[in-house]
PDB file of all heavy atoms in Angstrom:
ATOM      1  N   LEU A   1     156.972 -33.090 -70.008  1.00  0.00           N
ATOM      2  CA  LEU A   1     157.917 -33.791 -69.140  1.00  0.00           C
ATOM      3  C   LEU A   1     159.299 -33.157 -69.124  1.00  0.00           C
ATOM      4  O   LEU A   1     160.207 -33.654 -68.439  1.00  0.00           O
ATOM      5  CB  LEU A   1     158.031 -35.252 -69.566  1.00  0.00           C
ATOM      6  CG  LEU A   1     157.045 -36.259 -68.963  1.00  0.00           C
ATOM      7  CD1 LEU A   1     157.280 -36.416 -67.469  1.00  0.00           C
ATOM      8  CD2 LEU A   1     155.604 -35.913 -69.260  1.00  0.00           C
ATOM      9  N   ASP A   2     159.472 -32.045 -69.835  1.00  0.00           N
ATOM     10  CA  ASP A   2     160.791 -31.413 -69.877  1.00  0.00           C
ATOM     11  C   ASP A   2     161.295 -31.044 -68.481  1.00  0.00           C
ATOM     12  O   ASP A   2     162.475 -31.206 -68.175  1.00  0.00           O
ATOM     13  CB  ASP A   2     160.755 -30.151 -70.742  1.00  0.00           C
ATOM     14  CG  ASP A   2     160.699 -30.476 -72.236  1.00  0.00           C
ATOM     15  OD1 ASP A   2     160.884 -31.655 -72.591  1.00  0.00           O
ATOM     16  OD2 ASP A   2     160.452 -29.544 -73.031  1.00  0.00           O
ATOM     17  N   GLY A   3     160.389 -30.564 -67.657  1.00  0.00           N
ATOM     18  CA  GLY A   3     160.797 -30.151 -66.313  1.00  0.00           C
ATOM     19  C   GLY A   3     161.227 -31.302 -65.427  1.00  0.00           C
ATOM     20  O   GLY A   3     161.879 -31.097 -64.394  1.00  0.00           O
ATOM     21  N   ALA A   4     160.888 -32.530 -65.810  1.00  0.00           N
ATOM     22  CA  ALA A   4     161.239 -33.703 -65.008  1.00  0.00           C
ATOM     23  C   ALA A   4     162.534 -34.356 -65.468  1.00  0.00           C
ATOM     24  O   ALA A   4     162.981 -35.335 -64.857  1.00  0.00           O
ATOM     25  CB  ALA A   4     160.108 -34.726 -65.072  1.00  0.00           C
ATOM     26  N   ALA A   5     163.163 -33.826 -66.529  1.00  0.00           N
ATOM     27  CA  ALA A   5     164.324 -34.489 -67.124  1.00  0.00           C
ATOM     28  C   ALA A   5     165.454 -34.690 -66.120  1.00  0.00           C
ATOM     29  O   ALA A   5     166.078 -35.758 -66.073  1.00  0.00           O
ATOM     30  CB  ALA A   5     164.811 -33.700 -68.334  1.00  0.00           C
ATOM     31  N   GLY A   6     165.735 -33.680 -65.312  1.00  0.00           N
ATOM     32  CA  GLY A   6     166.822 -33.783 -64.336  1.00  0.00           C
ATOM     33  C   GLY A   6     166.553 -34.852 -63.289  1.00  0.00           C
ATOM     34  O   GLY A   6     167.434 -35.653 -62.957  1.00  0.00           O
ATOM     35  N   PHE A   7     165.334 -34.850 -62.762  1.00  0.00           N
ATOM     36  CA  PHE A   7     164.959 -35.861 -61.765  1.00  0.00           C
ATOM     37  C   PHE A   7     165.045 -37.260 -62.348  1.00  0.00           C
ATOM     38  O   PHE A   7     165.553 -38.195 -61.708  1.00  0.00           O
ATOM     39  CB  PHE A   7     163.548 -35.593 -61.254  1.00  0.00           C
ATOM     40  CG  PHE A   7     162.937 -36.739 -60.502  1.00  0.00           C
ATOM     41  CD1 PHE A   7     163.341 -37.051 -59.214  1.00  0.00           C
ATOM     42  CD2 PHE A   7     161.954 -37.532 -61.100  1.00  0.00           C
ATOM     43  CE1 PHE A   7     162.778 -38.130 -58.531  1.00  0.00           C
ATOM     44  CE2 PHE A   7     161.390 -38.611 -60.424  1.00  0.00           C
ATOM     45  CZ  PHE A   7     161.806 -38.901 -59.134  1.00  0.00           C
ATOM     46  N   LEU A   8     164.556 -37.430 -63.574  1.00  0.00           N
ATOM     47  CA  LEU A   8     164.566 -38.746 -64.192  1.00  0.00           C
ATOM     48  C   LEU A   8     165.993 -39.232 -64.431  1.00  0.00           C
ATOM     49  O   LEU A   8     166.314 -40.403 -64.173  1.00  0.00           O
ATOM     50  CB  LEU A   8     163.777 -38.724 -65.503  1.00  0.00           C
ATOM     51  CG  LEU A   8     162.271 -38.450 -65.383  1.00  0.00           C
ATOM     52  CD1 LEU A   8     161.630 -38.432 -66.762  1.00  0.00           C
ATOM     53  CD2 LEU A   8     161.592 -39.473 -64.492  1.00  0.00           C
ATOM     54  N   ALA A   9     166.853 -38.359 -64.917  1.00  0.00           N
ATOM     55  CA  ALA A   9     168.244 -38.761 -65.170  1.00  0.00           C
ATOM     56  C   ALA A   9     168.949 -39.146 -63.875  1.00  0.00           C
ATOM     57  O   ALA A   9     169.661 -40.156 -63.813  1.00  0.00           O
ATOM     58  CB  ALA A   9     168.997 -37.639 -65.881  1.00  0.00           C
ATOM     59  N   SER A  10     168.766 -38.347 -62.832  1.00  0.00           N
ATOM     60  CA  SER A  10     169.431 -38.660 -61.566  1.00  0.00           C
ATOM     61  C   SER A  10     168.888 -39.949 -60.957  1.00  0.00           C
ATOM     62  O   SER A  10     169.639 -40.739 -60.366  1.00  0.00           O
ATOM     63  CB  SER A  10     169.271 -37.496 -60.574  1.00  0.00           C
ATOM     64  OG  SER A  10     167.904 -37.302 -60.234  1.00  0.00           O
ATOM     65  N   THR A  11     167.593 -40.196 -61.110  1.00  0.00           N
ATOM     66  CA  THR A  11     167.001 -41.431 -60.598  1.00  0.00           C
ATOM     67  C   THR A  11     167.526 -42.629 -61.362  1.00  0.00           C
ATOM     68  O   THR A  11     167.926 -43.645 -60.762  1.00  0.00           O
ATOM     69  CB  THR A  11     165.466 -41.377 -60.710  1.00  0.00           C
ATOM     70  OG1 THR A  11     164.964 -40.288 -59.940  1.00  0.00           O
ATOM     71  CG2 THR A  11     164.840 -42.673 -60.209  1.00  0.00           C
ATOM     72  N   ARG A  12     167.565 -42.541 -62.677  1.00  0.00           N
ATOM     73  CA  ARG A  12     168.058 -43.648 -63.496  1.00  0.00           C
ATOM     74  C   ARG A  12     169.516 -43.948 -63.167  1.00  0.00           C
ATOM     75  O   ARG A  12     169.921 -45.114 -63.015  1.00  0.00           O
ATOM     76  CB  ARG A  12     167.897 -43.296 -64.974  1.00  0.00           C
ATOM     77  CG  ARG A  12     167.872 -44.494 -65.925  1.00  0.00           C
ATOM     78  CD  ARG A  12     169.194 -45.149 -66.197  1.00  0.00           C
ATOM     79  NE  ARG A  12     170.170 -44.242 -66.777  1.00  0.00           N
ATOM     80  CZ  ARG A  12     171.392 -44.596 -67.096  1.00  0.00           C
ATOM     81  NH1 ARG A  12     171.830 -45.826 -66.866  1.00  0.00           N
ATOM     82  NH2 ARG A  12     172.243 -43.712 -67.601  1.00  0.00           N
ATOM     83  N   GLN A  13     170.312 -42.908 -63.012  1.00  0.00           N
ATOM     84  CA  GLN A  13     171.728 -43.117 -62.723  1.00  0.00           C
ATOM     85  C   GLN A  13     171.938 -43.681 -61.322  1.00  0.00           C
ATOM     86  O   GLN A  13     172.853 -44.487 -61.096  1.00  0.00           O
ATOM     87  CB  GLN A  13     172.484 -41.803 -62.913  1.00  0.00           C
ATOM     88  CG  GLN A  13     172.552 -41.376 -64.374  1.00  0.00           C
ATOM     89  CD  GLN A  13     173.002 -39.948 -64.582  1.00  0.00           C
ATOM     90  OE1 GLN A  13     173.583 -39.337 -63.684  1.00  0.00           O
ATOM     91  NE2 GLN A  13     172.739 -39.403 -65.764  1.00  0.00           N
ATOM     92  N   HIS A  14     171.094 -43.311 -60.374  1.00  0.00           N
ATOM     93  CA  HIS A  14     171.158 -43.910 -59.039  1.00  0.00           C
ATOM     94  C   HIS A  14     170.870 -45.413 -59.120  1.00  0.00           C
ATOM     95  O   HIS A  14     171.586 -46.226 -58.508  1.00  0.00           O
ATOM     96  CB  HIS A  14     170.161 -43.232 -58.097  1.00  0.00           C
ATOM     97  CG  HIS A  14     170.052 -43.917 -56.766  1.00  0.00           C
ATOM     98  ND1 HIS A  14     170.897 -43.627 -55.716  1.00  0.00           N
ATOM     99  CD2 HIS A  14     169.207 -44.900 -56.324  1.00  0.00           C
ATOM    100  CE1 HIS A  14     170.584 -44.400 -54.680  1.00  0.00           C
ATOM    101  NE2 HIS A  14     169.564 -45.173 -55.025  1.00  0.00           N
ATOM    102  N   LEU A  15     169.836 -45.775 -59.850  1.00  0.00           N
ATOM    103  CA  LEU A  15     169.508 -47.192 -59.997  1.00  0.00           C
ATOM    104  C   LEU A  15     170.631 -47.940 -60.704  1.00  0.00           C
ATOM    105  O   LEU A  15     170.927 -49.097 -60.365  1.00  0.00           O
ATOM    106  CB  LEU A  15     168.204 -47.355 -60.778  1.00  0.00           C
ATOM    107  CG  LEU A  15     166.931 -46.870 -60.078  1.00  0.00           C
ATOM    108  CD1 LEU A  15     165.744 -46.947 -61.020  1.00  0.00           C
ATOM    109  CD2 LEU A  15     166.655 -47.678 -58.814  1.00  0.00           C
ATOM    110  N   HIS A  16     171.276 -47.277 -61.658  1.00  0.00           N
ATOM    111  CA  HIS A  16     172.380 -47.924 -62.362  1.00  0.00           C
ATOM    112  C   HIS A  16     173.567 -48.151 -61.426  1.00  0.00           C
ATOM    113  O   HIS A  16     174.256 -49.178 -61.531  1.00  0.00           O
ATOM    114  CB  HIS A  16     172.814 -47.077 -63.561  1.00  0.00           C
ATOM    115  CG  HIS A  16     173.699 -47.824 -64.514  1.00  0.00           C
ATOM    116  ND1 HIS A  16     173.225 -48.533 -65.581  1.00  0.00           N
ATOM    117  CD2 HIS A  16     175.049 -47.989 -64.540  1.00  0.00           C
ATOM    118  CE1 HIS A  16     174.224 -49.098 -66.244  1.00  0.00           C
ATOM    119  NE2 HIS A  16     175.349 -48.782 -65.628  1.00  0.00           N
ATOM    120  N   ARG A  17     173.814 -47.219 -60.538  1.00  0.00           N
ATOM    121  CA  ARG A  17     174.917 -47.373 -59.582  1.00  0.00           C
ATOM    122  C   ARG A  17     174.661 -48.489 -58.587  1.00  0.00           C
ATOM    123  O   ARG A  17     175.594 -49.074 -58.040  1.00  0.00           O
ATOM    124  CB  ARG A  17     175.144 -46.063 -58.809  1.00  0.00           C
ATOM    125  CG  ARG A  17     175.961 -45.022 -59.544  1.00  0.00           C
ATOM    126  CD  ARG A  17     176.408 -43.926 -58.605  1.00  0.00           C
ATOM    127  NE  ARG A  17     175.282 -43.208 -58.026  1.00  0.00           N
ATOM    128  CZ  ARG A  17     174.741 -42.114 -58.535  1.00  0.00           C
ATOM    129  NH1 ARG A  17     175.219 -41.612 -59.663  1.00  0.00           N
ATOM    130  NH2 ARG A  17     173.729 -41.520 -57.939  1.00  0.00           N
ATOM    131  N   HIS A  18     173.374 -48.767 -58.328  1.00  0.00           N
ATOM    132  CA  HIS A  18     173.015 -49.728 -57.278  1.00  0.00           C
ATOM    133  C   HIS A  18     172.123 -50.835 -57.852  1.00  0.00           C
ATOM    134  O   HIS A  18     170.964 -50.985 -57.454  1.00  0.00           O
ATOM    135  CB  HIS A  18     172.305 -49.001 -56.141  1.00  0.00           C
ATOM    136  CG  HIS A  18     173.093 -47.862 -55.574  1.00  0.00           C
ATOM    137  ND1 HIS A  18     174.151 -48.041 -54.713  1.00  0.00           N
ATOM    138  CD2 HIS A  18     172.991 -46.517 -55.777  1.00  0.00           C
ATOM    139  CE1 HIS A  18     174.662 -46.864 -54.381  1.00  0.00           C
ATOM    140  NE2 HIS A  18     173.983 -45.929 -55.011  1.00  0.00           N
ATOM    141  N   PRO A  19     172.640 -51.629 -58.778  1.00  0.00           N
ATOM    142  CA  PRO A  19     171.826 -52.682 -59.403  1.00  0.00           C
ATOM    143  C   PRO A  19     171.600 -53.845 -58.447  1.00  0.00           C
ATOM    144  O   PRO A  19     172.410 -54.113 -57.549  1.00  0.00           O
ATOM    145  CB  PRO A  19     172.687 -53.115 -60.589  1.00  0.00           C
ATOM    146  CG  PRO A  19     174.097 -52.896 -60.115  1.00  0.00           C
ATOM    147  CD  PRO A  19     174.032 -51.651 -59.260  1.00  0.00           C
ATOM    148  N   GLU A  20     170.485 -54.546 -58.661  1.00  0.00           N
ATOM    149  CA  GLU A  20     170.171 -55.722 -57.854  1.00  0.00           C
ATOM    150  C   GLU A  20     169.710 -56.848 -58.767  1.00  0.00           C
ATOM    151  O   GLU A  20     168.929 -56.632 -59.700  1.00  0.00           O
ATOM    152  CB  GLU A  20     169.084 -55.395 -56.830  1.00  0.00           C
ATOM    153  CG  GLU A  20     169.530 -54.371 -55.789  1.00  0.00           C
ATOM    154  CD  GLU A  20     168.402 -53.970 -54.846  1.00  0.00           C
ATOM    155  OE1 GLU A  20     167.425 -53.368 -55.329  1.00  0.00           O
ATOM    156  OE2 GLU A  20     168.521 -54.256 -53.650  1.00  0.00           O
ATOM    157  N   LEU A  21     170.187 -58.044 -58.472  1.00  0.00           N
ATOM    158  CA  LEU A  21     169.850 -59.213 -59.284  1.00  0.00           C
ATOM    159  C   LEU A  21     168.397 -59.634 -59.084  1.00  0.00           C
ATOM    160  O   LEU A  21     167.723 -59.171 -58.159  1.00  0.00           O
ATOM    161  CB  LEU A  21     170.781 -60.368 -58.928  1.00  0.00           C
ATOM    162  CG  LEU A  21     172.263 -60.183 -59.257  1.00  0.00           C
ATOM    163  CD1 LEU A  21     173.073 -61.334 -58.679  1.00  0.00           C
ATOM    164  CD2 LEU A  21     172.487 -60.074 -60.766  1.00  0.00           C
ATOM    165  N   SER A  22     167.936 -60.528 -59.940  1.00  0.00           N
ATOM    166  CA  SER A  22     166.593 -61.085 -59.816  1.00  0.00           C
ATOM    167  C   SER A  22     166.383 -61.646 -58.415  1.00  0.00           C
ATOM    168  O   SER A  22     167.263 -62.323 -57.865  1.00  0.00           O
ATOM    169  CB  SER A  22     166.385 -62.200 -60.845  1.00  0.00           C
ATOM    170  OG  SER A  22     166.464 -61.706 -62.162  1.00  0.00           O
ATOM    171  N   PHE A  23     165.207 -61.356 -57.859  1.00  0.00           N
ATOM    172  CA  PHE A  23     164.775 -61.803 -56.529  1.00  0.00           C
ATOM    173  C   PHE A  23     165.502 -61.083 -55.390  1.00  0.00           C
ATOM    174  O   PHE A  23     165.298 -61.416 -54.228  1.00  0.00           O
ATOM    175  CB  PHE A  23     164.932 -63.327 -56.362  1.00  0.00           C
ATOM    176  CG  PHE A  23     164.325 -64.126 -57.468  1.00  0.00           C
ATOM    177  CD1 PHE A  23     165.118 -64.872 -58.327  1.00  0.00           C
ATOM    178  CD2 PHE A  23     162.953 -64.115 -57.686  1.00  0.00           C
ATOM    179  CE1 PHE A  23     164.567 -65.605 -59.370  1.00  0.00           C
ATOM    180  CE2 PHE A  23     162.385 -64.843 -58.723  1.00  0.00           C
ATOM    181  CZ  PHE A  23     163.197 -65.584 -59.558  1.00  0.00           C
ATOM    182  N   GLU A  24     166.348 -60.080 -55.714  1.00  0.00           N
ATOM    183  CA  GLU A  24     167.089 -59.351 -54.687  1.00  0.00           C
ATOM    184  C   GLU A  24     166.812 -57.847 -54.733  1.00  0.00           C
ATOM    185  O   GLU A  24     167.556 -57.051 -54.162  1.00  0.00           O
ATOM    186  CB  GLU A  24     168.591 -59.596 -54.862  1.00  0.00           C
ATOM    187  CG  GLU A  24     169.002 -61.055 -54.723  1.00  0.00           C
ATOM    188  CD  GLU A  24     170.489 -61.287 -54.984  1.00  0.00           C
ATOM    189  OE1 GLU A  24     171.223 -60.282 -55.141  1.00  0.00           O
ATOM    190  OE2 GLU A  24     170.912 -62.453 -55.015  1.00  0.00           O
ATOM    191  N   GLU A  25     165.719 -57.426 -55.337  1.00  0.00           N
ATOM    192  CA  GLU A  25     165.482 -56.010 -55.661  1.00  0.00           C
ATOM    193  C   GLU A  25     164.904 -55.206 -54.495  1.00  0.00           C
ATOM    194  O   GLU A  25     164.075 -54.311 -54.690  1.00  0.00           O
ATOM    195  CB  GLU A  25     164.550 -55.901 -56.876  1.00  0.00           C
ATOM    196  CG  GLU A  25     164.953 -56.739 -58.079  1.00  0.00           C
ATOM    197  CD  GLU A  25     164.322 -58.126 -58.077  1.00  0.00           C
ATOM    198  OE1 GLU A  25     163.911 -58.576 -56.986  1.00  0.00           O
ATOM    199  OE2 GLU A  25     164.224 -58.746 -59.147  1.00  0.00           O
ATOM    200  N   ALA A  26     165.332 -55.474 -53.265  1.00  0.00           N
ATOM    201  CA  ALA A  26     164.742 -54.838 -52.084  1.00  0.00           C
ATOM    202  C   ALA A  26     164.959 -53.330 -52.085  1.00  0.00           C
ATOM    203  O   ALA A  26     164.020 -52.550 -51.817  1.00  0.00           O
ATOM    204  CB  ALA A  26     165.315 -55.458 -50.811  1.00  0.00           C
ATOM    205  N   GLU A  27     166.176 -52.869 -52.361  1.00  0.00           N
ATOM    206  CA  GLU A  27     166.466 -51.440 -52.342  1.00  0.00           C
ATOM    207  C   GLU A  27     165.748 -50.719 -53.477  1.00  0.00           C
ATOM    208  O   GLU A  27     165.218 -49.617 -53.291  1.00  0.00           O
ATOM    209  CB  GLU A  27     167.968 -51.205 -52.433  1.00  0.00           C
ATOM    210  CG  GLU A  27     168.750 -51.676 -51.217  1.00  0.00           C
ATOM    211  CD  GLU A  27     170.245 -51.458 -51.378  1.00  0.00           C
ATOM    212  OE1 GLU A  27     170.644 -50.721 -52.314  1.00  0.00           O
ATOM    213  OE2 GLU A  27     171.021 -52.024 -50.580  1.00  0.00           O
ATOM    214  N   THR A  28     165.740 -51.332 -54.640  1.00  0.00           N
ATOM    215  CA  THR A  28     165.043 -50.728 -55.779  1.00  0.00           C
ATOM    216  C   THR A  28     163.553 -50.598 -55.477  1.00  0.00           C
ATOM    217  O   THR A  28     162.942 -49.545 -55.734  1.00  0.00           O
ATOM    218  CB  THR A  28     165.260 -51.567 -57.040  1.00  0.00           C
ATOM    219  OG1 THR A  28     166.658 -51.700 -57.297  1.00  0.00           O
ATOM    220  CG2 THR A  28     164.585 -50.931 -58.239  1.00  0.00           C
ATOM    221  N   ALA A  29     162.968 -51.649 -54.943  1.00  0.00           N
ATOM    222  CA  ALA A  29     161.541 -51.625 -54.615  1.00  0.00           C
ATOM    223  C   ALA A  29     161.233 -50.561 -53.570  1.00  0.00           C
ATOM    224  O   ALA A  29     160.205 -49.877 -53.652  1.00  0.00           O
ATOM    225  CB  ALA A  29     161.093 -52.994 -54.122  1.00  0.00           C
ATOM    226  N   ALA A  30     162.115 -50.398 -52.600  1.00  0.00           N
ATOM    227  CA  ALA A  30     161.902 -49.392 -51.558  1.00  0.00           C
ATOM    228  C   ALA A  30     161.951 -47.983 -52.145  1.00  0.00           C
ATOM    229  O   ALA A  30     161.144 -47.116 -51.789  1.00  0.00           O
ATOM    230  CB  ALA A  30     162.944 -49.549 -50.456  1.00  0.00           C
ATOM    231  N   LEU A  31     162.894 -47.750 -53.056  1.00  0.00           N
ATOM    232  CA  LEU A  31     162.978 -46.427 -53.698  1.00  0.00           C
ATOM    233  C   LEU A  31     161.709 -46.144 -54.501  1.00  0.00           C
ATOM    234  O   LEU A  31     161.128 -45.051 -54.411  1.00  0.00           O
ATOM    235  CB  LEU A  31     164.209 -46.381 -54.604  1.00  0.00           C
ATOM    236  CG  LEU A  31     164.471 -45.072 -55.356  1.00  0.00           C
ATOM    237  CD1 LEU A  31     165.982 -44.851 -55.525  1.00  0.00           C
ATOM    238  CD2 LEU A  31     163.812 -45.068 -56.741  1.00  0.00           C
ATOM    239  N   VAL A  32     161.283 -47.130 -55.278  1.00  0.00           N
ATOM    240  CA  VAL A  32     160.082 -46.978 -56.101  1.00  0.00           C
ATOM    241  C   VAL A  32     158.867 -46.706 -55.220  1.00  0.00           C
ATOM    242  O   VAL A  32     158.093 -45.762 -55.454  1.00  0.00           O
ATOM    243  CB  VAL A  32     159.870 -48.233 -56.959  1.00  0.00           C
ATOM    244  CG1 VAL A  32     158.469 -48.246 -57.573  1.00  0.00           C
ATOM    245  CG2 VAL A  32     160.924 -48.319 -58.066  1.00  0.00           C
ATOM    246  N   ALA A  33     158.675 -47.529 -54.197  1.00  0.00           N
ATOM    247  CA  ALA A  33     157.510 -47.380 -53.324  1.00  0.00           C
ATOM    248  C   ALA A  33     157.533 -46.044 -52.599  1.00  0.00           C
ATOM    249  O   ALA A  33     156.478 -45.421 -52.404  1.00  0.00           O
ATOM    250  CB  ALA A  33     157.470 -48.531 -52.319  1.00  0.00           C
ATOM    251  N   GLY A  34     158.708 -45.590 -52.212  1.00  0.00           N
ATOM    252  CA  GLY A  34     158.811 -44.310 -51.517  1.00  0.00           C
ATOM    253  C   GLY A  34     158.348 -43.148 -52.370  1.00  0.00           C
ATOM    254  O   GLY A  34     157.568 -42.300 -51.915  1.00  0.00           O
ATOM    255  N   HIS A  35     158.808 -43.093 -53.610  1.00  0.00           N
ATOM    256  CA  HIS A  35     158.377 -42.013 -54.506  1.00  0.00           C
ATOM    257  C   HIS A  35     156.874 -42.086 -54.766  1.00  0.00           C
ATOM    258  O   HIS A  35     156.174 -41.059 -54.726  1.00  0.00           O
ATOM    259  CB  HIS A  35     159.132 -42.101 -55.831  1.00  0.00           C
ATOM    260  CG  HIS A  35     160.534 -41.586 -55.783  1.00  0.00           C
ATOM    261  ND1 HIS A  35     160.858 -40.336 -55.289  1.00  0.00           N
ATOM    262  CD2 HIS A  35     161.705 -42.150 -56.187  1.00  0.00           C
ATOM    263  CE1 HIS A  35     162.160 -40.137 -55.389  1.00  0.00           C
ATOM    264  NE2 HIS A  35     162.696 -41.222 -55.927  1.00  0.00           N
ATOM    265  N   LEU A  36     156.375 -43.274 -55.036  1.00  0.00           N
ATOM    266  CA  LEU A  36     154.956 -43.423 -55.346  1.00  0.00           C
ATOM    267  C   LEU A  36     154.083 -42.972 -54.177  1.00  0.00           C
ATOM    268  O   LEU A  36     153.058 -42.312 -54.365  1.00  0.00           O
ATOM    269  CB  LEU A  36     154.654 -44.874 -55.706  1.00  0.00           C
ATOM    270  CG  LEU A  36     155.295 -45.382 -57.002  1.00  0.00           C
ATOM    271  CD1 LEU A  36     155.215 -46.905 -57.082  1.00  0.00           C
ATOM    272  CD2 LEU A  36     154.625 -44.761 -58.223  1.00  0.00           C
TER     273      LEU A  36
END
């Protein structure tokens, strides 16, 4: 997983910049579904 470290850090930091409360996770869910 060493080669994925940069992608993972940038993804985590993006999610941290754009947090969503319980029952409001529309943007987070869209990002997750898009990658998958």
